[in-house]
Amino acid sequence: MIHVYLDDYRVCPKGFVLASNAEDCKQLLDLEQIDILSLDYDLGWAQPTGYEVVRHIVETGRFPRQIYLHTSSAAGRIQMYHLLSSSAPTDTKLFNGPMPDTLLNEIAER
């Protein structure tokens, strides 16, 4: 299992695979088992957003075990959280915010 960090701007945390755009993230979702997925919403001017990734997750049913929303876009976070919370299976943990530092440190030390 891998951890995936979707972001076009921020530095990828240690222990995560970076997906810098929606298409890369969707390919990882299709090809890999993902433990933790951390999503940004805005991925560059005129580029597909994190919401497109969320739609892909829902349409394919390939839910990671944990999903965090680290985006600074309040509207984007609400949109992604709403679709995920209404569709995620009970064994997927959904967090309406970024990963806590304690979790990031624990993963980085592995």
N, C-alpha and C. Protein backbone atom coordinates (compact mmCIF):
# COMPACT_ATOMS: atom_id res chain seq x y z
N MET A 1 0.84 -1.20 0.00
CA MET A 1 0.00 0.00 0.00
C MET A 1 0.88 1.25 0.00
N ILE A 2 0.39 2.27 -0.68
CA ILE A 2 1.13 3.52 -0.75
C ILE A 2 0.28 4.66 -0.20
N HIS A 3 0.95 5.77 0.09
CA HIS A 3 0.29 7.02 0.48
C HIS A 3 0.47 7.99 -0.68
N VAL A 4 -0.59 8.73 -1.01
CA VAL A 4 -0.54 9.65 -2.15
C VAL A 4 -0.90 11.05 -1.70
N TYR A 5 -0.14 12.02 -2.20
CA TYR A 5 -0.33 13.43 -1.88
C TYR A 5 -0.58 14.17 -3.19
N LEU A 6 -1.81 14.66 -3.39
CA LEU A 6 -2.18 15.39 -4.61
C LEU A 6 -2.00 16.88 -4.37
N ASP A 7 -1.04 17.47 -5.08
CA ASP A 7 -0.81 18.91 -4.95
C ASP A 7 0.12 19.38 -6.06
N ASP A 8 -0.17 20.53 -6.62
CA ASP A 8 0.68 21.07 -7.68
C ASP A 8 1.70 22.07 -7.17
N TYR A 9 1.65 22.41 -5.89
CA TYR A 9 2.47 23.49 -5.37
C TYR A 9 3.25 23.12 -4.11
N ARG A 10 2.57 22.53 -3.14
CA ARG A 10 3.19 22.22 -1.86
C ARG A 10 4.22 21.09 -2.00
N VAL A 11 5.15 21.06 -1.06
CA VAL A 11 6.16 20.00 -1.01
C VAL A 11 5.48 18.72 -0.52
N CYS A 12 5.80 17.64 -1.18
CA CYS A 12 5.23 16.35 -0.83
C CYS A 12 5.87 15.85 0.46
N PRO A 13 5.05 15.43 1.43
CA PRO A 13 5.62 14.90 2.68
C PRO A 13 6.41 13.62 2.44
N LYS A 14 7.40 13.40 3.26
CA LYS A 14 8.21 12.18 3.19
C LYS A 14 7.32 10.97 3.42
N GLY A 15 7.51 9.95 2.61
CA GLY A 15 6.72 8.73 2.74
C GLY A 15 5.50 8.70 1.84
N PHE A 16 5.30 9.76 1.06
CA PHE A 16 4.16 9.86 0.15
C PHE A 16 4.63 9.88 -1.30
N VAL A 17 3.79 9.44 -2.19
CA VAL A 17 4.01 9.56 -3.62
C VAL A 17 3.28 10.83 -4.07
N LEU A 18 3.97 11.69 -4.80
CA LEU A 18 3.37 12.93 -5.27
C LEU A 18 2.60 12.71 -6.56
N ALA A 19 1.38 13.19 -6.59
CA ALA A 19 0.61 13.33 -7.82
C ALA A 19 0.42 14.83 -8.00
N SER A 20 1.02 15.39 -9.03
CA SER A 20 0.97 16.84 -9.19
C SER A 20 -0.21 17.32 -10.02
N ASN A 21 -1.02 16.37 -10.53
CA ASN A 21 -2.23 16.76 -11.25
C ASN A 21 -3.27 15.66 -11.09
N ALA A 22 -4.49 15.97 -11.50
CA ALA A 22 -5.62 15.05 -11.30
C ALA A 22 -5.43 13.74 -12.07
N GLU A 23 -4.90 13.83 -13.28
CA GLU A 23 -4.73 12.63 -14.10
C GLU A 23 -3.74 11.65 -13.47
N ASP A 24 -2.62 12.16 -12.96
CA ASP A 24 -1.65 11.30 -12.29
C ASP A 24 -2.28 10.62 -11.07
N CYS A 25 -3.07 11.38 -10.33
CA CYS A 25 -3.71 10.83 -9.14
C CYS A 25 -4.71 9.75 -9.51
N LYS A 26 -5.49 9.97 -10.54
CA LYS A 26 -6.47 8.97 -10.97
C LYS A 26 -5.76 7.69 -11.43
N GLN A 27 -4.62 7.83 -12.11
CA GLN A 27 -3.88 6.64 -12.53
C GLN A 27 -3.37 5.86 -11.32
N LEU A 28 -2.87 6.57 -10.32
CA LEU A 28 -2.42 5.88 -9.10
C LEU A 28 -3.59 5.17 -8.42
N LEU A 29 -4.73 5.82 -8.37
CA LEU A 29 -5.91 5.19 -7.78
C LEU A 29 -6.30 3.91 -8.53
N ASP A 30 -6.16 3.93 -9.85
CA ASP A 30 -6.53 2.77 -10.66
C ASP A 30 -5.52 1.63 -10.54
N LEU A 31 -4.24 1.97 -10.33
CA LEU A 31 -3.19 0.96 -10.40
C LEU A 31 -2.66 0.48 -9.06
N GLU A 32 -2.84 1.27 -8.01
CA GLU A 32 -2.24 0.96 -6.71
C GLU A 32 -3.31 0.83 -5.63
N GLN A 33 -2.95 0.15 -4.55
CA GLN A 33 -3.77 0.18 -3.35
C GLN A 33 -3.28 1.36 -2.53
N ILE A 34 -4.20 2.26 -2.17
CA ILE A 34 -3.80 3.48 -1.47
C ILE A 34 -4.33 3.45 -0.04
N ASP A 35 -3.41 3.64 0.88
CA ASP A 35 -3.76 3.69 2.30
C ASP A 35 -4.27 5.09 2.63
N ILE A 36 -3.42 6.11 2.46
CA ILE A 36 -3.79 7.48 2.76
C ILE A 36 -3.72 8.31 1.49
N LEU A 37 -4.76 9.08 1.24
CA LEU A 37 -4.80 10.02 0.12
C LEU A 37 -5.07 11.40 0.70
N SER A 38 -4.21 12.35 0.39
CA SER A 38 -4.40 13.73 0.84
C SER A 38 -4.63 14.59 -0.39
N LEU A 39 -5.76 15.31 -0.41
CA LEU A 39 -6.20 16.01 -1.61
C LEU A 39 -6.14 17.52 -1.50
N ASP A 40 -5.62 18.13 -2.55
CA ASP A 40 -5.74 19.57 -2.77
C ASP A 40 -6.89 19.75 -3.76
N TYR A 41 -7.46 20.93 -3.80
CA TYR A 41 -8.54 21.20 -4.75
C TYR A 41 -8.00 21.91 -5.99
N ASP A 42 -7.40 23.08 -5.81
CA ASP A 42 -6.88 23.86 -6.93
C ASP A 42 -5.55 23.28 -7.39
N LEU A 43 -5.49 22.90 -8.67
CA LEU A 43 -4.30 22.24 -9.20
C LEU A 43 -3.70 22.98 -10.40
N GLY A 44 -3.84 24.27 -10.40
CA GLY A 44 -3.26 25.07 -11.48
C GLY A 44 -4.34 25.67 -12.36
N TRP A 45 -3.98 26.77 -12.99
CA TRP A 45 -4.92 27.50 -13.83
C TRP A 45 -5.47 26.62 -14.95
N ALA A 46 -6.79 26.56 -15.04
CA ALA A 46 -7.51 25.84 -16.09
C ALA A 46 -7.22 24.33 -16.10
N GLN A 47 -6.81 23.80 -14.96
CA GLN A 47 -6.54 22.36 -14.83
C GLN A 47 -7.67 21.69 -14.07
N PRO A 48 -7.90 20.40 -14.31
CA PRO A 48 -8.89 19.67 -13.51
C PRO A 48 -8.55 19.79 -12.03
N THR A 49 -9.56 19.82 -11.19
CA THR A 49 -9.39 20.01 -9.75
C THR A 49 -9.41 18.68 -9.00
N GLY A 50 -9.19 18.81 -7.69
CA GLY A 50 -9.31 17.64 -6.83
C GLY A 50 -10.70 17.04 -6.84
N TYR A 51 -11.70 17.84 -7.17
CA TYR A 51 -13.06 17.31 -7.26
C TYR A 51 -13.16 16.26 -8.37
N GLU A 52 -12.40 16.44 -9.45
CA GLU A 52 -12.40 15.44 -10.52
C GLU A 52 -11.85 14.11 -10.00
N VAL A 53 -10.87 14.17 -9.13
CA VAL A 53 -10.32 12.96 -8.51
C VAL A 53 -11.38 12.32 -7.62
N VAL A 54 -12.08 13.13 -6.85
CA VAL A 54 -13.14 12.60 -5.98
C VAL A 54 -14.23 11.93 -6.81
N ARG A 55 -14.63 12.56 -7.90
CA ARG A 55 -15.63 11.94 -8.79
C ARG A 55 -15.13 10.61 -9.32
N HIS A 56 -13.86 10.53 -9.66
CA HIS A 56 -13.27 9.29 -10.15
C HIS A 56 -13.32 8.20 -9.07
N ILE A 57 -12.98 8.58 -7.85
CA ILE A 57 -13.04 7.62 -6.74
C ILE A 57 -14.45 7.06 -6.60
N VAL A 58 -15.43 7.93 -6.60
CA VAL A 58 -16.82 7.52 -6.42
C VAL A 58 -17.28 6.65 -7.60
N GLU A 59 -16.94 7.07 -8.82
CA GLU A 59 -17.38 6.33 -10.01
C GLU A 59 -16.74 4.95 -10.11
N THR A 60 -15.47 4.82 -9.69
CA THR A 60 -14.79 3.53 -9.79
C THR A 60 -14.93 2.68 -8.54
N GLY A 61 -15.29 3.31 -7.42
CA GLY A 61 -15.40 2.59 -6.16
C GLY A 61 -14.05 2.26 -5.55
N ARG A 62 -12.98 2.88 -6.03
CA ARG A 62 -11.62 2.60 -5.52
C ARG A 62 -11.27 3.62 -4.43
N PHE A 63 -11.85 3.38 -3.26
CA PHE A 63 -11.67 4.28 -2.13
C PHE A 63 -10.40 3.93 -1.35
N PRO A 64 -9.55 4.93 -1.08
CA PRO A 64 -8.43 4.70 -0.16
C PRO A 64 -8.96 4.41 1.25
N ARG A 65 -8.08 3.91 2.10
CA ARG A 65 -8.50 3.63 3.49
C ARG A 65 -8.75 4.91 4.27
N GLN A 66 -7.94 5.97 4.01
CA GLN A 66 -8.11 7.25 4.69
C GLN A 66 -7.98 8.37 3.66
N ILE A 67 -8.82 9.39 3.79
CA ILE A 67 -8.77 10.53 2.88
C ILE A 67 -8.75 11.81 3.71
N TYR A 68 -7.75 12.65 3.43
CA TYR A 68 -7.62 13.96 4.07
C TYR A 68 -7.79 15.03 3.00
N LEU A 69 -8.32 16.17 3.39
CA LEU A 69 -8.51 17.29 2.48
C LEU A 69 -7.64 18.45 2.96
N HIS A 70 -6.45 18.59 2.36
CA HIS A 70 -5.52 19.63 2.82
C HIS A 70 -5.65 20.94 2.05
N THR A 71 -6.64 21.05 1.20
CA THR A 71 -6.81 22.23 0.36
C THR A 71 -7.07 23.49 1.18
N SER A 72 -6.63 24.63 0.66
CA SER A 72 -6.95 25.91 1.30
C SER A 72 -8.21 26.53 0.72
N SER A 73 -8.81 25.86 -0.26
CA SER A 73 -10.07 26.33 -0.86
C SER A 73 -11.25 25.84 -0.03
N ALA A 74 -11.89 26.75 0.67
CA ALA A 74 -13.04 26.36 1.51
C ALA A 74 -14.17 25.78 0.66
N ALA A 75 -14.47 26.41 -0.46
CA ALA A 75 -15.55 25.92 -1.33
C ALA A 75 -15.18 24.55 -1.91
N GLY A 76 -13.93 24.38 -2.32
CA GLY A 76 -13.49 23.10 -2.85
C GLY A 76 -13.54 22.00 -1.81
N ARG A 77 -13.14 22.32 -0.58
CA ARG A 77 -13.18 21.34 0.51
C ARG A 77 -14.62 20.88 0.75
N ILE A 78 -15.54 21.83 0.81
CA ILE A 78 -16.95 21.49 1.04
C ILE A 78 -17.47 20.58 -0.06
N GLN A 79 -17.17 20.93 -1.30
CA GLN A 79 -17.63 20.15 -2.45
C GLN A 79 -17.07 18.72 -2.41
N MET A 80 -15.78 18.59 -2.16
CA MET A 80 -15.17 17.25 -2.11
C MET A 80 -15.70 16.45 -0.93
N TYR A 81 -15.78 17.09 0.23
CA TYR A 81 -16.23 16.39 1.43
C TYR A 81 -17.67 15.90 1.26
N HIS A 82 -18.52 16.74 0.69
CA HIS A 82 -19.92 16.36 0.52
C HIS A 82 -20.06 15.10 -0.33
N LEU A 83 -19.39 15.07 -1.48
CA LEU A 83 -19.50 13.90 -2.34
C LEU A 83 -18.89 12.66 -1.69
N LEU A 84 -17.74 12.82 -1.06
CA LEU A 84 -17.11 11.67 -0.41
C LEU A 84 -17.93 11.16 0.76
N SER A 85 -18.43 12.07 1.59
CA SER A 85 -19.17 11.63 2.79
C SER A 85 -20.49 10.93 2.43
N SER A 86 -21.05 11.27 1.28
CA SER A 86 -22.30 10.63 0.88
C SER A 86 -22.07 9.33 0.11
N SER A 87 -20.82 9.02 -0.22
CA SER A 87 -20.54 7.86 -1.06
C SER A 87 -19.55 6.86 -0.47
N ALA A 88 -18.74 7.28 0.47
CA ALA A 88 -17.66 6.43 0.97
C ALA A 88 -18.20 5.23 1.75
N PRO A 89 -17.54 4.08 1.59
CA PRO A 89 -17.92 2.93 2.41
C PRO A 89 -17.55 3.18 3.87
N THR A 90 -18.14 2.41 4.75
CA THR A 90 -17.94 2.63 6.18
C THR A 90 -16.49 2.39 6.63
N ASP A 91 -15.72 1.62 5.86
CA ASP A 91 -14.33 1.37 6.28
C ASP A 91 -13.36 2.43 5.76
N THR A 92 -13.85 3.44 5.05
CA THR A 92 -13.01 4.57 4.63
C THR A 92 -13.17 5.69 5.65
N LYS A 93 -12.03 6.15 6.16
CA LYS A 93 -12.06 7.26 7.12
C LYS A 93 -11.84 8.56 6.36
N LEU A 94 -12.76 9.49 6.53
CA LEU A 94 -12.72 10.77 5.83
C LEU A 94 -12.50 11.90 6.83
N PHE A 95 -11.51 12.76 6.54
CA PHE A 95 -11.17 13.86 7.43
C PHE A 95 -11.30 15.17 6.66
N ASN A 96 -12.05 16.10 7.23
CA ASN A 96 -12.31 17.38 6.57
C ASN A 96 -11.23 18.39 6.94
N GLY A 97 -9.99 18.04 6.64
CA GLY A 97 -8.86 18.90 6.93
C GLY A 97 -7.57 18.17 6.65
N PRO A 98 -6.43 18.83 6.90
CA PRO A 98 -5.13 18.22 6.61
C PRO A 98 -4.73 17.17 7.65
N MET A 99 -3.73 16.39 7.30
CA MET A 99 -3.19 15.38 8.21
C MET A 99 -2.52 16.07 9.39
N PRO A 100 -2.69 15.52 10.59
CA PRO A 100 -1.99 16.10 11.75
C PRO A 100 -0.49 15.84 11.65
N ASP A 101 0.28 16.74 12.24
CA ASP A 101 1.74 16.61 12.22
C ASP A 101 2.22 15.29 12.82
N THR A 102 1.51 14.79 13.83
CA THR A 102 1.93 13.54 14.45
C THR A 102 1.88 12.40 13.43
N LEU A 103 0.86 12.36 12.59
CA LEU A 103 0.75 11.33 11.56
C LEU A 103 1.83 11.52 10.50
N LEU A 104 2.06 12.76 10.07
CA LEU A 104 3.10 13.03 9.08
C LEU A 104 4.47 12.60 9.60
N ASN A 105 4.76 12.90 10.85
CA ASN A 105 6.04 12.51 11.45
C ASN A 105 6.17 10.99 11.55
N GLU A 106 5.09 10.32 11.93
CA GLU A 106 5.10 8.87 12.05
C GLU A 106 5.39 8.21 10.70
N ILE A 107 4.76 8.69 9.64
CA ILE A 107 4.97 8.14 8.31
C ILE A 107 6.39 8.43 7.84
N ALA A 108 6.88 9.64 8.09
CA ALA A 108 8.24 10.02 7.66
C ALA A 108 9.31 9.17 8.32
N GLU A 109 9.04 8.67 9.53
CA GLU A 109 10.03 7.89 10.26
C GLU A 109 10.04 6.41 9.87
N ARG A 110 9.08 5.98 9.11
CA ARG A 110 9.01 4.56 8.71
C ARG A 110 10.06 4.22 7.70
